[in-house]
């Protein structure tokens, strides 16, 4: 069997090499597409795979494809002569790269591009203004890399199809996105959230980024746009693509044309939780799993690759963000009816000297409590990764039609030891909060929603009730005597008469725990309209909401 591999995305190379180990009589050749935005054969790639039955052609490039005759049209780079290569099996591993900025001057100045973790690791900060343009995962990777180098300053210009959404793209909910944005600004990162990119200018060694609001003289420009798959050859050949241009595959990694497979960043896979195809860039941590499935498919065996939960983790100075599964927006797009629960709690026993607060948001279906995803923030990267990984394993380990529910998270057994976890772990707490919401208690408002209603406090529609002890509440009572009420949670049942009958009660505590208890008390007294501030004053501080 003759295999042609277009591109060198890691899952394709590893899968073909694995197949050849079992079938050494087969042959394989690697080609690059003629128009290719990605780096070509690296020394590391050649060193790993030369001598393993894979031929790397340096003088010809793929410029066309005929799936009916199973031929690839190639052009010789030195002579321009065209010829064709026959194949028995074709594998697309052309990858993806940051989309173009589509503004004047983009290709006239030096520009770094971040389209994957490896690109971010290679990115070097300049001693001056580093402007990062883009959105989503690539933007976060670029900013994280620049922050670790402590050189120059960082300015962000959200750009792309989702520029009107949060610049974190679809990785985090609105609540956690707001917390990350506030943290970045506290670290000195400037975010031009309302700017529209107009042009990039260069000359005499200077580079300027032009928006509709300002001109930024910068030392480095970074394209961190969302990934655009390199699939024009497949499109021209009539192979079915998803709306974003990825090659649609089934669980065998097979494309719509016979004897054609795709993997890596150019492909879209069958998802575990969503009927919509999952782009390869969203499951970039699964090259070996894809390679095993591809090797099995090439050998005629049964493969069953489904997109994983897509766990990720990125650090920004002293804060780490991580997640797995679906965000509320993604879940909504997949046809679920999502709700989310927020919990803020110490990541280990509170008396441990290195205990720090961890924020978790659990996403679940309102109809049956099915867990859809979880995201979180915290200073301790290892502690956060442990909680996210536990839920990621739950999402992937189900069998048949069984799905993990919020009750599974609430009862998840965490190895208890004061240096590593509390007796009631924050993961159990967020599961309990979700279960309470399903039971009709624990309704709350996010930090962003609180910010809006606090700005409208003169309307008198909301009563703000602080249920902490006086020491915590006193500064706010002094600052806002007309709008801030105080009754400690333990005294609320016997002081109910002090509350006016009109207006919604918004209950505030430090992290939301006492506010929940106060809400239960109010509901028993007939005040079913009471809501809590999710995450309490801690969430407001983390989001930059001033009270």
Protein backbone atom coordinates (compact mmCIF):
# COMPACT_ATOMS: atom_id res chain seq x y z
CA UNK A 1 0.00 0.00 0.00
CA UNK A 2 1.28 3.46 -0.91
CA UNK A 3 0.42 6.23 1.54
CA UNK A 4 0.72 9.91 0.68
CA UNK A 5 0.74 12.24 3.68
CA UNK A 6 0.09 15.92 2.95
CA UNK A 7 1.51 17.99 5.80
CA UNK A 8 3.49 17.08 8.90
CA UNK A 9 1.11 17.70 11.77
CA UNK A 10 2.25 15.37 14.56
CA UNK A 11 -0.76 12.98 14.69
CA UNK A 12 -0.36 12.22 10.98
CA UNK A 13 3.37 11.56 11.15
CA UNK A 14 3.10 9.43 14.28
CA UNK A 15 0.14 7.47 12.93
CA UNK A 16 1.80 6.66 9.60
CA UNK A 17 5.08 5.72 11.34
CA UNK A 18 3.18 3.45 13.72
CA UNK A 19 1.41 1.77 10.79
CA UNK A 20 4.70 1.19 8.95
CA UNK A 21 6.18 -0.52 12.01
CA UNK A 22 3.45 -3.13 11.72
CA UNK A 23 3.37 -3.15 7.89
CA UNK A 24 6.95 -2.52 6.72
CA UNK A 25 6.04 -3.62 3.19
CA UNK A 26 3.95 -0.45 2.78
CA UNK A 27 5.51 2.86 1.70
CA UNK A 28 4.80 6.45 2.65
CA UNK A 29 5.78 9.86 1.26
CA UNK A 30 5.32 13.24 2.91
CA UNK A 31 4.38 16.26 0.79
CA UNK A 32 3.74 19.87 1.70
CA UNK A 33 0.90 21.85 0.15
CA UNK A 34 2.18 24.41 -2.35
CA UNK A 35 0.73 27.32 -0.40
CA UNK A 36 1.68 26.66 3.17
CA UNK A 37 1.83 29.13 6.10
CA UNK A 38 3.51 26.65 8.43
CA UNK A 39 7.22 25.85 8.96
CA UNK A 40 8.46 22.98 6.81
CA UNK A 41 10.45 19.90 7.79
CA UNK A 42 12.30 20.50 11.05
CA UNK A 43 15.59 18.81 11.89
CA UNK A 44 13.88 17.18 14.86
CA UNK A 45 11.17 15.70 12.63
CA UNK A 46 13.69 14.34 10.15
CA UNK A 47 15.88 12.91 12.90
CA UNK A 48 12.96 11.08 14.50
CA UNK A 49 11.42 9.62 11.35
CA UNK A 50 14.08 9.19 8.69
CA UNK A 51 14.89 5.54 8.23
CA UNK A 52 11.42 4.44 9.35
CA UNK A 53 10.02 3.98 5.87
CA UNK A 54 8.79 7.56 5.37
CA UNK A 55 10.15 9.51 2.39
CA UNK A 56 10.39 13.28 2.77
CA UNK A 57 10.31 15.12 -0.55
CA UNK A 58 12.00 18.53 -0.53
CA UNK A 59 11.59 19.40 -4.20
CA UNK A 60 7.89 18.85 -4.96
CA UNK A 61 4.75 20.37 -3.50
CA UNK A 62 1.13 19.22 -3.67
CA UNK A 63 -0.95 21.57 -5.82
CA UNK A 64 -4.05 19.52 -6.65
CA UNK A 65 -6.00 16.36 -5.89
CA UNK A 66 -8.28 13.98 -7.78
CA UNK A 67 -9.93 11.56 -5.37
CA UNK A 68 -11.69 9.62 -8.12
CA UNK A 69 -8.41 8.55 -9.72
CA UNK A 70 -6.50 8.62 -6.43
CA UNK A 71 -3.82 10.97 -7.68
CA UNK A 72 -2.13 14.05 -6.23
CA UNK A 73 -0.95 16.72 -8.64
CA UNK A 74 2.50 17.99 -7.68
CA UNK A 75 4.69 20.83 -8.89
CA UNK A 76 8.48 20.62 -8.92
CA UNK A 77 9.76 23.66 -7.07
CA UNK A 78 12.96 24.04 -9.15
CA UNK A 79 11.50 23.62 -12.65
CA UNK A 80 7.80 24.38 -12.22
CA UNK A 81 7.00 21.13 -14.03
CA UNK A 82 3.79 19.38 -13.00
CA UNK A 83 3.31 15.64 -12.60
CA UNK A 84 1.09 13.33 -10.58
CA UNK A 85 1.56 10.77 -7.83
CA UNK A 86 -0.75 7.82 -7.31
CA UNK A 87 -1.84 6.75 -3.85
CA UNK A 88 -3.76 3.94 -2.23
CA UNK A 89 -4.43 5.97 0.90
CA UNK A 90 -4.18 9.72 1.42
CA UNK A 91 -3.77 11.39 4.82
CA UNK A 92 -4.28 15.10 5.42
CA UNK A 93 -2.14 16.43 8.27
CA UNK A 94 -1.79 19.98 7.02
CA UNK A 95 -2.48 21.54 10.41
CA UNK A 96 -3.76 25.02 11.10
CA UNK A 97 -2.21 28.45 11.51
CA UNK A 98 -3.36 31.79 12.90
CA UNK A 99 -5.75 33.45 10.47
CA UNK A 100 -4.55 36.59 8.75
CA UNK A 101 -5.38 39.93 10.33
CA UNK A 102 -6.84 41.16 7.03
CA UNK A 103 -5.66 44.75 7.44
CA UNK A 104 -3.31 46.87 5.31
CA UNK A 105 0.38 46.44 6.04
CA UNK A 106 0.11 43.02 7.68
CA UNK A 107 2.76 41.45 5.47
CA UNK A 108 5.06 44.47 5.28
CA UNK A 109 6.43 44.33 8.82
CA UNK A 110 8.07 41.53 10.86
CA UNK A 111 5.41 39.75 12.88
CA UNK A 112 5.47 36.80 15.26
CA UNK A 113 2.65 34.26 14.97
CA UNK A 114 1.31 32.11 17.78
CA UNK A 115 -0.84 29.20 16.61
CA UNK A 116 0.05 26.52 19.15
CA UNK A 117 1.84 25.84 22.43
CA UNK A 118 5.18 25.38 20.64
CA UNK A 119 4.86 28.80 18.98
CA UNK A 120 4.17 30.38 22.36
CA UNK A 121 7.25 28.69 23.84
CA UNK A 122 9.40 30.15 21.04
CA UNK A 123 7.92 33.65 21.32
CA UNK A 124 10.39 36.25 22.58
CA UNK A 125 9.36 39.52 24.20
CA UNK A 126 10.88 42.76 22.97
CA UNK A 127 12.19 45.56 25.15
CA UNK A 128 9.36 47.94 24.38
CA UNK A 129 5.66 47.63 23.64
CA UNK A 130 4.56 44.12 22.66
CA UNK A 131 1.18 44.29 20.90
CA UNK A 132 -0.82 41.03 20.80
CA UNK A 133 -3.68 40.94 18.28
CA UNK A 134 -6.24 38.13 18.20
CA UNK A 135 -8.57 36.17 20.46
CA UNK A 136 -9.17 32.81 22.08
CA UNK A 137 -6.58 30.25 23.10
CA UNK A 138 -3.79 31.68 20.94
CA UNK A 139 -4.11 35.12 22.51
CA UNK A 140 -3.95 33.65 26.01
CA UNK A 141 -0.90 31.53 25.12
CA UNK A 142 0.91 34.56 23.68
CA UNK A 143 0.14 36.78 26.67
CA UNK A 144 1.17 34.02 29.10
CA UNK A 145 4.50 33.56 27.33
CA UNK A 146 5.25 37.30 27.26
CA UNK A 147 4.35 37.72 30.93
CA UNK A 148 6.86 35.07 32.00
CA UNK A 149 9.72 36.98 30.35
CA UNK A 150 9.25 40.25 32.27
CA UNK A 151 10.53 42.34 29.36
CA UNK A 152 8.72 45.35 27.93
CA UNK A 153 5.00 45.98 28.22
CA UNK A 154 2.00 44.14 26.78
CA UNK A 155 -1.01 45.64 25.01
CA UNK A 156 -3.92 43.54 23.71
CA UNK A 157 -6.16 44.37 20.76
CA UNK A 158 -9.04 41.88 20.48
CA UNK A 159 -9.56 41.07 16.80
CA UNK A 160 -11.38 38.50 14.71
CA UNK A 161 -14.89 37.12 14.37
CA UNK A 162 -15.37 36.97 18.15
CA UNK A 163 -13.84 40.41 18.92
CA UNK A 164 -17.21 41.55 20.26
CA UNK A 165 -17.12 38.68 22.72
CA UNK A 166 -14.61 38.38 25.53
CA UNK A 167 -11.03 38.34 24.30
CA UNK A 168 -10.58 34.93 25.92
CA UNK A 169 -12.87 33.61 23.18
CA UNK A 170 -14.80 30.52 24.19
CA UNK A 171 -12.44 29.18 26.87
CA UNK A 172 -14.16 30.77 29.86
CA UNK A 173 -17.57 32.01 30.92
CA UNK A 174 -18.32 35.71 31.20
CA UNK A 175 -17.70 35.55 34.95
CA UNK A 176 -14.26 33.93 34.77
CA UNK A 177 -13.32 35.98 31.69
CA UNK A 178 -13.97 39.12 33.71
CA UNK A 179 -11.72 37.84 36.49
CA UNK A 180 -8.88 37.07 34.07
CA UNK A 181 -9.20 40.49 32.42
CA UNK A 182 -9.06 42.21 35.80
CA UNK A 183 -6.00 40.17 36.79
CA UNK A 184 -4.21 41.05 33.55
CA UNK A 185 -4.86 44.76 34.03
CA UNK A 186 -3.63 44.50 37.64
CA UNK A 187 -0.43 42.98 36.23
CA UNK A 188 0.08 45.98 33.94
CA UNK A 189 -1.37 44.53 30.72
CA UNK A 190 -3.35 47.09 28.73
CA UNK A 191 -6.49 45.78 27.01
CA UNK A 192 -7.97 47.94 24.25
CA UNK A 193 -11.30 46.17 24.40
CA UNK A 194 -13.21 48.72 22.31
CA UNK A 195 -10.61 49.38 19.61
CA UNK A 196 -10.97 48.20 16.01
CA UNK A 197 -7.75 47.32 14.22
CA UNK A 198 -7.28 49.40 11.05
CA UNK A 199 -3.71 48.94 9.79
CA UNK A 200 -0.13 48.05 10.59
CA UNK A 201 2.52 50.49 9.42
CA UNK A 202 6.27 50.12 9.24
CA UNK A 203 9.27 52.02 8.06
CA UNK A 204 12.77 53.05 9.17
CA UNK A 205 12.75 50.23 11.72
CA UNK A 206 9.61 51.48 13.49
CA UNK A 207 6.32 49.57 13.63
CA UNK A 208 2.98 51.19 14.39
CA UNK A 209 -0.36 49.52 15.08
CA UNK A 210 -3.27 51.72 14.03
CA UNK A 211 -6.76 51.38 15.48
CA UNK A 212 -9.81 53.60 15.24
CA UNK A 213 -8.85 55.15 18.59
CA UNK A 214 -5.05 55.33 18.75
CA UNK A 215 -1.66 54.71 17.14
CA UNK A 216 0.69 52.44 19.10
CA UNK A 217 4.44 52.57 18.47
CA UNK A 218 5.59 49.05 19.25
CA UNK A 219 8.67 46.86 19.32
CA UNK A 220 6.87 43.62 18.49
CA UNK A 221 3.55 42.65 16.92
CA UNK A 222 2.10 39.19 17.59
CA UNK A 223 -0.61 37.61 15.47
CA UNK A 224 -2.58 35.44 17.91
CA UNK A 225 -5.67 34.96 15.79
CA UNK A 226 -7.82 31.82 16.05
CA UNK A 227 -6.61 28.86 14.03
CA UNK A 228 -7.46 28.65 10.34
CA UNK A 229 -7.08 25.11 8.94
CA UNK A 230 -4.89 24.64 5.86
CA UNK A 231 -7.46 22.71 3.81
CA UNK A 232 -7.74 24.45 0.43
CA UNK A 233 -6.58 21.29 -1.39
CA UNK A 234 -9.35 19.27 0.26
CA UNK A 235 -11.92 21.97 -0.49
CA UNK A 236 -10.92 22.14 -4.16
CA UNK A 237 -11.25 18.34 -4.38
CA UNK A 238 -14.82 18.44 -3.06
CA UNK A 239 -14.06 16.87 0.32
CA UNK A 240 -16.66 17.86 2.92
CA UNK A 241 -15.58 20.58 5.37
CA UNK A 242 -17.24 22.00 8.46
CA UNK A 243 -18.35 25.68 8.47
CA UNK A 244 -14.93 26.75 9.78
CA UNK A 245 -13.09 24.93 6.99
CA UNK A 246 -11.91 21.79 8.83
CA UNK A 247 -12.07 18.41 7.10
CA UNK A 248 -15.01 16.51 8.57
CA UNK A 249 -14.07 13.04 9.80
CA UNK A 250 -15.90 10.12 11.37
CA UNK A 251 -14.71 8.04 14.32
CA UNK A 252 -12.31 6.23 11.96
CA UNK A 253 -10.75 9.62 11.03
CA UNK A 254 -12.08 9.02 7.51
CA UNK A 255 -13.07 11.99 5.34
CA UNK A 256 -16.00 12.06 2.92
CA UNK A 257 -13.87 10.83 -0.01
CA UNK A 258 -12.86 7.19 -0.14
CA UNK A 259 -9.45 6.22 1.24
CA UNK A 260 -8.84 9.73 2.55
CA UNK A 261 -8.17 10.39 6.22
CA UNK A 262 -7.48 13.56 8.22
CA UNK A 263 -6.12 14.34 11.66
CA UNK A 264 -4.55 17.13 13.66
CA UNK A 265 -5.38 20.82 13.32
CA UNK A 266 -6.86 20.52 9.81
CA UNK A 267 -9.56 18.04 10.90
CA UNK A 268 -12.86 18.20 12.79
CA UNK A 269 -13.84 15.22 14.90
CA UNK A 270 -16.93 13.55 16.30
CA UNK A 271 -17.44 14.95 19.80
CA UNK A 272 -18.36 13.08 22.96
CA UNK A 273 -20.76 15.71 24.24
CA UNK A 274 -21.83 17.70 21.23
CA UNK A 275 -23.32 16.93 17.83
CA UNK A 276 -21.28 19.75 16.34
CA UNK A 277 -17.82 18.74 15.02
CA UNK A 278 -14.90 19.56 17.30
CA UNK A 279 -11.93 21.28 15.57
CA UNK A 280 -8.53 19.68 15.94
CA UNK A 281 -7.07 22.82 17.50
CA UNK A 282 -9.46 22.33 20.45
CA UNK A 283 -8.01 18.89 21.26
CA UNK A 284 -4.36 19.63 20.52
CA UNK A 285 -3.28 17.55 23.51
CA UNK A 286 -4.33 14.26 21.87
CA UNK A 287 -1.73 13.60 19.13
CA UNK A 288 -0.88 10.11 20.39
CA UNK A 289 -4.53 9.08 20.69
CA UNK A 290 -5.16 10.34 17.16
CA UNK A 291 -2.03 8.57 15.93
CA UNK A 292 -3.19 5.24 17.40
CA UNK A 293 -6.61 5.64 15.77
CA UNK A 294 -5.04 6.57 12.42
CA UNK A 295 -2.63 3.61 12.51
CA UNK A 296 -5.54 1.27 13.22
CA UNK A 297 -7.63 2.76 10.41
CA UNK A 298 -4.73 2.50 7.93
CA UNK A 299 -4.36 -1.17 8.83
CA UNK A 300 -8.06 -1.82 8.29
CA UNK A 301 -8.77 -2.27 11.98
CA UNK A 302 -11.60 -0.64 13.92
CA UNK A 303 -10.67 2.77 15.27
CA UNK A 304 -12.91 4.87 17.48
CA UNK A 305 -11.53 8.35 17.98
CA UNK A 306 -13.86 10.88 19.54
CA UNK A 307 -12.84 14.34 20.59
CA UNK A 308 -11.94 14.45 24.26
CA UNK A 309 -13.03 16.94 26.87
CA UNK A 310 -10.28 19.33 25.74
CA UNK A 311 -8.59 19.98 29.10
CA UNK A 312 -6.27 23.01 29.15
CA UNK A 313 -4.28 25.12 31.61
CA UNK A 314 -2.56 28.51 31.15
CA UNK A 315 -0.67 30.60 33.72
CA UNK A 316 -0.63 34.40 33.87
CA UNK A 317 1.96 35.43 36.41
CA UNK A 318 0.64 34.28 39.79
CA UNK A 319 -2.77 33.18 38.47
CA UNK A 320 -3.59 30.00 36.56
CA UNK A 321 -6.74 29.46 34.49
CA UNK A 322 -7.79 25.93 33.52
CA UNK A 323 -10.81 24.08 32.22
CA UNK A 324 -12.26 21.03 30.55
CA UNK A 325 -15.45 20.22 28.68
CA UNK A 326 -17.96 22.84 27.57
CA UNK A 327 -18.43 26.43 28.69
CA UNK A 328 -22.01 27.73 29.06
CA UNK A 329 -21.90 29.30 25.57
CA UNK A 330 -20.52 26.13 23.97
CA UNK A 331 -23.12 24.01 25.76
CA UNK A 332 -25.89 26.27 24.49
CA UNK A 333 -24.59 25.95 20.93
CA UNK A 334 -24.62 22.16 21.33
CA UNK A 335 -28.32 22.12 22.19
CA UNK A 336 -28.10 21.83 25.97
CA UNK A 337 -29.93 24.03 28.45
CA UNK A 338 -26.92 24.95 30.59
CA UNK A 339 -26.65 26.40 34.07
CA UNK A 340 -23.49 27.06 36.03
CA UNK A 341 -22.53 27.01 39.70
CA UNK A 342 -19.71 29.06 41.20
CA UNK A 343 -17.74 28.21 44.34
CA UNK A 344 -14.76 30.01 45.92
CA UNK A 345 -12.96 28.18 48.69
CA UNK A 346 -9.48 27.44 50.01
CA UNK A 347 -7.64 24.85 47.93
CA UNK A 348 -6.46 23.04 51.10
CA UNK A 349 -7.17 23.20 54.82
CA UNK A 350 -7.58 26.87 55.71
CA UNK A 351 -4.97 26.72 58.50
CA UNK A 352 -2.18 25.65 56.12
CA UNK A 353 0.26 28.54 55.53
CA UNK A 354 0.15 28.15 51.74
CA UNK A 355 -3.65 27.85 51.48
CA UNK A 356 -5.11 30.07 48.76
CA UNK A 357 -8.56 30.66 47.34
CA UNK A 358 -9.63 28.66 44.29
CA UNK A 359 -12.56 29.63 42.06
CA UNK A 360 -14.45 26.87 40.24
CA UNK A 361 -17.42 27.14 37.88
CA UNK A 362 -19.28 23.90 37.09
CA UNK A 363 -21.39 23.80 33.90
CA UNK A 364 -24.35 21.41 33.86
CA UNK A 365 -27.62 20.74 32.06
CA UNK A 366 -30.67 22.20 33.78
CA UNK A 367 -32.84 19.23 32.75
CA UNK A 368 -30.96 16.33 34.31
CA UNK A 369 -27.92 17.73 36.10
CA UNK A 370 -25.53 16.21 33.58
CA UNK A 371 -22.03 17.67 33.99
CA UNK A 372 -20.88 19.40 30.79
CA UNK A 373 -17.66 21.08 31.85
CA UNK A 374 -15.74 22.94 34.52
CA UNK A 375 -13.41 25.94 34.50
CA UNK A 376 -11.45 27.56 37.29
CA UNK A 377 -8.86 30.05 38.50
CA UNK A 378 -6.32 29.95 41.29
CA UNK A 379 -2.78 30.86 42.36
CA UNK A 380 -1.72 27.22 42.74
CA UNK A 381 -1.44 25.68 39.26
CA UNK A 382 -0.98 22.13 40.56
CA UNK A 383 -3.97 22.32 42.90
CA UNK A 384 -6.21 23.70 40.16
CA UNK A 385 -5.03 21.16 37.58
CA UNK A 386 -5.85 18.36 40.02
CA UNK A 387 -9.49 19.43 40.34
CA UNK A 388 -9.93 20.05 36.62
CA UNK A 389 -8.32 16.70 35.76
CA UNK A 390 -10.66 14.87 38.12
CA UNK A 391 -13.72 16.20 36.28
CA UNK A 392 -12.05 15.63 32.91
CA UNK A 393 -11.65 11.96 33.85
CA UNK A 394 -15.32 11.83 34.86
CA UNK A 395 -16.37 13.24 31.49
CA UNK A 396 -14.27 10.72 29.55
CA UNK A 397 -14.89 7.61 31.65
CA UNK A 398 -18.63 7.20 31.23
CA UNK A 399 -20.01 4.09 29.54
CA UNK A 400 -23.10 3.65 27.37
CA UNK A 401 -25.64 6.40 27.91
CA UNK A 402 -24.50 7.10 31.45
CA UNK A 403 -23.23 10.62 32.09
CA UNK A 404 -21.72 12.12 35.25
CA UNK A 405 -24.09 14.41 37.14
CA UNK A 406 -23.61 17.18 39.65
CA UNK A 407 -24.25 14.63 42.40
CA UNK A 408 -21.23 12.63 41.22
CA UNK A 409 -19.09 15.76 41.60
CA UNK A 410 -20.64 16.55 44.99
CA UNK A 411 -19.76 13.04 46.21
CA UNK A 412 -16.41 12.69 44.45
CA UNK A 413 -13.84 11.28 46.84
CA UNK A 414 -10.81 13.56 47.09
CA UNK A 415 -7.72 12.25 48.88
CA UNK A 416 -7.96 14.26 52.10
CA UNK A 417 -4.85 15.64 53.73
CA UNK A 418 -4.66 19.19 55.13
CA UNK A 419 -1.68 20.18 52.93
CA UNK A 420 -3.59 19.18 49.79
CA UNK A 421 -7.35 19.41 50.35
CA UNK A 422 -10.06 20.35 52.81
CA UNK A 423 -12.33 17.76 54.41
CA UNK A 424 -15.09 19.21 52.21
CA UNK A 425 -13.14 19.96 49.06
CA UNK A 426 -13.93 22.93 46.81
CA UNK A 427 -14.83 20.42 44.08
CA UNK A 428 -17.47 18.84 46.33
CA UNK A 429 -18.70 22.30 47.26
CA UNK A 430 -19.28 23.38 43.65
CA UNK A 431 -21.13 20.10 43.05
CA UNK A 432 -23.36 20.81 46.05
CA UNK A 433 -24.00 24.37 44.85
CA UNK A 434 -25.08 22.96 41.47
CA UNK A 435 -27.37 20.40 43.16
CA UNK A 436 -28.95 23.19 45.21
CA UNK A 437 -29.62 25.21 42.05
CA UNK A 438 -31.33 22.19 40.50
CA UNK A 439 -33.46 21.91 43.65
CA UNK A 440 -34.60 25.52 43.29
CA UNK A 441 -32.37 27.11 45.91
CA UNK A 442 -29.11 28.97 45.56
CA UNK A 443 -30.25 31.31 42.78
CA UNK A 444 -27.75 34.08 42.38
CA UNK A 445 -26.39 36.95 40.34
CA UNK A 446 -22.90 37.04 38.83
CA UNK A 447 -20.35 39.71 39.59
CA UNK A 448 -21.18 41.38 36.28
CA UNK A 449 -24.90 41.35 37.05
CA UNK A 450 -24.26 42.72 40.53
CA UNK A 451 -22.18 45.52 39.02
CA UNK A 452 -25.12 46.54 36.85
CA UNK A 453 -27.76 46.49 39.59
CA UNK A 454 -25.42 48.24 42.03
CA UNK A 455 -24.99 51.07 39.54
CA UNK A 456 -28.81 51.26 39.41
CA UNK A 457 -29.22 51.17 43.22
CA UNK A 458 -31.00 54.53 43.33
CA UNK A 459 -34.00 52.86 41.65
CA UNK A 460 -34.86 51.17 44.95
CA UNK A 461 -35.67 47.89 43.22
CA UNK A 462 -32.99 45.98 45.17
CA UNK A 463 -32.10 45.78 48.86
CA UNK A 464 -28.45 44.92 49.50
CA UNK A 465 -28.12 42.76 52.61
CA UNK A 466 -24.68 42.00 54.09
CA UNK A 467 -24.95 38.84 56.22
CA UNK A 468 -21.36 38.85 57.50
CA UNK A 469 -20.28 39.93 60.95
CA UNK A 470 -20.11 43.65 61.70
CA UNK A 471 -16.33 43.84 61.31
CA UNK A 472 -16.63 42.88 57.65
CA UNK A 473 -19.74 44.94 56.94
CA UNK A 474 -18.82 48.18 58.76
CA UNK A 475 -16.81 49.85 55.94
CA UNK A 476 -19.69 49.39 53.50
CA UNK A 477 -22.29 50.60 56.02
CA UNK A 478 -20.26 53.78 56.48
CA UNK A 479 -19.74 54.23 52.74
CA UNK A 480 -23.32 53.50 51.66
CA UNK A 481 -25.67 54.11 54.62
CA UNK A 482 -28.73 54.50 52.39
CA UNK A 483 -28.28 51.28 50.41
CA UNK A 484 -26.28 48.79 52.49
CA UNK A 485 -28.14 46.80 55.17
CA UNK A 486 -26.51 44.51 57.72
CA UNK A 487 -27.93 41.51 59.59
CA UNK A 488 -25.54 38.65 60.45
CA UNK A 489 -26.69 35.33 59.02
CA UNK A 490 -27.03 33.80 62.48
CA UNK A 491 -29.43 36.56 63.59
CA UNK A 492 -31.52 36.77 60.43
CA UNK A 493 -34.39 34.48 61.48
CA UNK A 494 -35.24 36.58 64.55
CA UNK A 495 -34.67 39.96 62.86
CA UNK A 496 -36.77 39.34 59.76
CA UNK A 497 -39.12 42.20 60.66
CA UNK A 498 -36.33 44.71 60.04
CA UNK A 499 -36.44 43.97 56.31
CA UNK A 500 -38.88 45.90 54.12
CA UNK A 501 -41.46 43.83 52.29
CA UNK A 502 -40.87 45.51 48.95
CA UNK A 503 -37.92 45.00 46.61
CA UNK A 504 -35.66 42.09 45.82
CA UNK A 505 -33.07 41.19 48.45
CA UNK A 506 -29.50 40.76 47.19
CA UNK A 507 -27.51 38.86 49.84
CA UNK A 508 -23.76 39.35 50.17
CA UNK A 509 -21.08 37.54 52.17
CA UNK A 510 -17.39 36.77 51.63
CA UNK A 511 -17.63 33.76 49.28
CA UNK A 512 -21.33 32.92 49.02
CA UNK A 513 -21.63 30.23 51.71
CA UNK A 514 -23.31 32.31 54.43
CA UNK A 515 -25.37 34.07 51.80
CA UNK A 516 -26.78 30.70 50.78
CA UNK A 517 -27.77 29.94 54.39
CA UNK A 518 -29.37 33.39 54.63
CA UNK A 519 -31.25 32.76 51.39
CA UNK A 520 -32.68 29.50 52.78
CA UNK A 521 -33.85 31.37 55.89
CA UNK A 522 -35.49 34.06 53.77
CA UNK A 523 -37.23 31.50 51.55
CA UNK A 524 -38.69 29.75 54.59
CA UNK A 525 -40.02 33.15 55.65
CA UNK A 526 -41.72 33.65 52.30
CA UNK A 527 -39.06 35.83 50.63
CA UNK A 528 -38.55 33.64 47.59
CA UNK A 529 -37.22 36.51 45.49
CA UNK A 530 -33.95 36.74 47.44
CA UNK A 531 -30.76 36.09 45.45
CA UNK A 532 -27.14 35.71 46.48
CA UNK A 533 -24.04 37.23 44.92
CA UNK A 534 -22.24 34.23 43.46
CA UNK A 535 -18.79 34.04 45.01
CA UNK A 536 -19.56 36.96 47.33
CA UNK A 537 -17.21 39.87 47.88
CA UNK A 538 -14.29 37.70 46.76
CA UNK A 539 -15.78 37.31 43.28
CA UNK A 540 -16.48 41.06 43.13
CA UNK A 541 -12.85 41.86 44.01
CA UNK A 542 -11.53 39.30 41.53
CA UNK A 543 -13.71 40.86 38.82
CA UNK A 544 -12.71 44.43 39.63
CA UNK A 545 -16.22 45.46 40.70
CA UNK A 546 -16.04 48.44 43.04
CA UNK A 547 -18.56 48.82 45.86
